[in-house]
Amino acid sequence: MKGIDDTFRKIVAIDNVIFLPLCIILIGIIIYAAWRLNKSLQNELKDEREKSAKDRENFLDILNKHYFLIKEFKTTTNNKLQSISSNIERVERQVEEIKKDTTK
């Protein structure tokens, strides 16, 4: 019985000697993996922010172009409406003159 106990103690001692370095290595691997994952996520977040900033700039450029197009359209439409209005007034004056001429 004493021989079995001695053998078991030796196996446990060997396991403890092997177990401690394995635990340290495993903890090191976990810490390294967490650090790499953190770096990867930071880089991905940085890229996403840069992309988002470019998208915002593109959107603002498009919005600015559309604003000026709408403003130009409004101006030309107002000018055309004023021209049509003056044409209508001119035609109305001519109609009034013709009416006066015909009633004389």
Protein backbone atom coordinates (compact mmCIF):
# COMPACT_ATOMS: atom_id res chain seq x y z
CA MET A 1 0.00 0.00 0.00
CA LYS A 2 2.85 2.31 0.83
CA GLY A 3 4.30 1.79 -2.64
CA ILE A 4 1.01 2.80 -4.30
CA ASP A 5 0.79 5.92 -2.10
CA ASP A 6 4.35 6.92 -2.99
CA THR A 7 3.66 6.40 -6.69
CA PHE A 8 0.44 8.45 -6.48
CA ARG A 9 2.27 11.27 -4.67
CA LYS A 10 4.95 11.27 -7.35
CA ILE A 11 2.30 11.44 -10.11
CA VAL A 12 0.52 14.32 -8.32
CA ALA A 13 3.84 16.12 -7.85
CA ILE A 14 4.61 15.68 -11.56
CA ASP A 15 1.13 16.89 -12.45
CA ASN A 16 1.57 19.99 -10.28
CA VAL A 17 4.92 20.69 -11.91
CA ILE A 18 3.35 20.31 -15.37
CA PHE A 19 0.04 21.96 -14.47
CA LEU A 20 1.47 25.29 -13.26
CA PRO A 21 3.44 26.13 -16.45
CA LEU A 22 0.52 25.01 -18.58
CA CYS A 23 -1.80 27.33 -16.64
CA ILE A 24 0.65 30.21 -17.03
CA ILE A 25 0.98 29.54 -20.77
CA LEU A 26 -2.81 29.29 -21.14
CA ILE A 27 -3.36 32.54 -19.26
CA GLY A 28 -0.70 34.19 -21.46
CA ILE A 29 -2.44 32.93 -24.61
CA ILE A 30 -5.80 34.26 -23.36
CA ILE A 31 -4.32 37.67 -22.55
CA TYR A 32 -2.56 37.82 -25.94
CA ALA A 33 -5.78 36.85 -27.76
CA ALA A 34 -7.73 39.51 -25.85
CA TRP A 35 -5.09 42.13 -26.70
CA ARG A 36 -5.14 41.19 -30.41
CA LEU A 37 -8.94 41.25 -30.47
CA ASN A 38 -8.92 44.67 -28.80
CA LYS A 39 -6.45 46.00 -31.38
CA SER A 40 -8.47 44.53 -34.21
CA LEU A 41 -11.69 46.09 -32.94
CA GLN A 42 -9.96 49.44 -32.44
CA ASN A 43 -8.69 49.39 -36.03
CA GLU A 44 -12.13 48.40 -37.31
CA LEU A 45 -13.75 51.21 -35.32
CA LYS A 46 -11.19 53.70 -36.63
CA ASP A 47 -11.85 52.60 -40.23
CA GLU A 48 -15.61 52.82 -39.67
CA ARG A 49 -15.27 56.36 -38.28
CA GLU A 50 -13.18 57.44 -41.27
CA LYS A 51 -15.69 55.89 -43.66
CA SER A 52 -18.54 57.57 -41.82
CA ALA A 53 -16.80 60.95 -42.03
CA LYS A 54 -16.29 60.51 -45.79
CA ASP A 55 -19.93 59.48 -46.21
CA ARG A 56 -21.06 62.59 -44.31
CA GLU A 57 -18.84 64.79 -46.50
CA ASN A 58 -20.24 63.19 -49.67
CA PHE A 59 -23.78 63.60 -48.42
CA LEU A 60 -23.20 67.26 -47.56
CA ASP A 61 -21.65 67.86 -50.99
CA ILE A 62 -24.66 66.31 -52.71
CA LEU A 63 -27.03 68.23 -50.48
CA ASN A 64 -25.18 71.47 -51.22
CA LYS A 65 -25.34 70.83 -54.99
CA HIS A 66 -29.05 70.07 -54.79
CA TYR A 67 -29.64 73.17 -52.72
CA PHE A 68 -28.02 75.37 -55.35
CA LEU A 69 -29.90 73.58 -58.14
CA ILE A 70 -33.19 74.14 -56.35
CA LYS A 71 -32.28 77.75 -55.65
CA GLU A 72 -31.40 78.28 -59.32
CA PHE A 73 -34.64 76.56 -60.39
CA LYS A 74 -36.60 78.79 -58.04
CA THR A 75 -34.93 81.91 -59.42
CA THR A 76 -35.53 80.93 -63.05
CA THR A 77 -39.11 79.94 -62.26
CA ASN A 78 -39.73 83.28 -60.57
CA ASN A 79 -38.22 85.09 -63.54
CA LYS A 80 -40.39 83.11 -65.96
CA LEU A 81 -43.48 83.76 -63.86
CA GLN A 82 -42.73 87.47 -63.81
CA SER A 83 -42.22 87.39 -67.55
CA ILE A 84 -45.52 85.55 -68.04
CA SER A 85 -47.22 87.98 -65.69
CA SER A 86 -45.90 90.98 -67.61
CA ASN A 87 -46.97 89.30 -70.88
CA ILE A 88 -50.45 88.77 -69.48
CA GLU A 89 -50.62 92.41 -68.39
CA ARG A 90 -49.44 93.52 -71.83
CA VAL A 91 -52.06 91.34 -73.53
CA GLU A 92 -54.75 92.67 -71.18
CA ARG A 93 -53.76 96.23 -72.04
CA GLN A 94 -53.92 95.38 -75.73
CA VAL A 95 -57.34 93.80 -75.24
CA GLU A 96 -58.51 96.93 -73.43
CA GLU A 97 -57.18 99.10 -76.25
CA ILE A 98 -58.91 96.93 -78.83
CA LYS A 99 -62.15 97.15 -76.81
CA LYS A 100 -61.82 100.95 -76.68
CA ASP A 101 -61.17 101.06 -80.41
CA THR A 102 -64.15 98.89 -81.18
CA THR A 103 -66.50 100.84 -78.94
CA LYS A 104 -65.59 104.18 -80.55
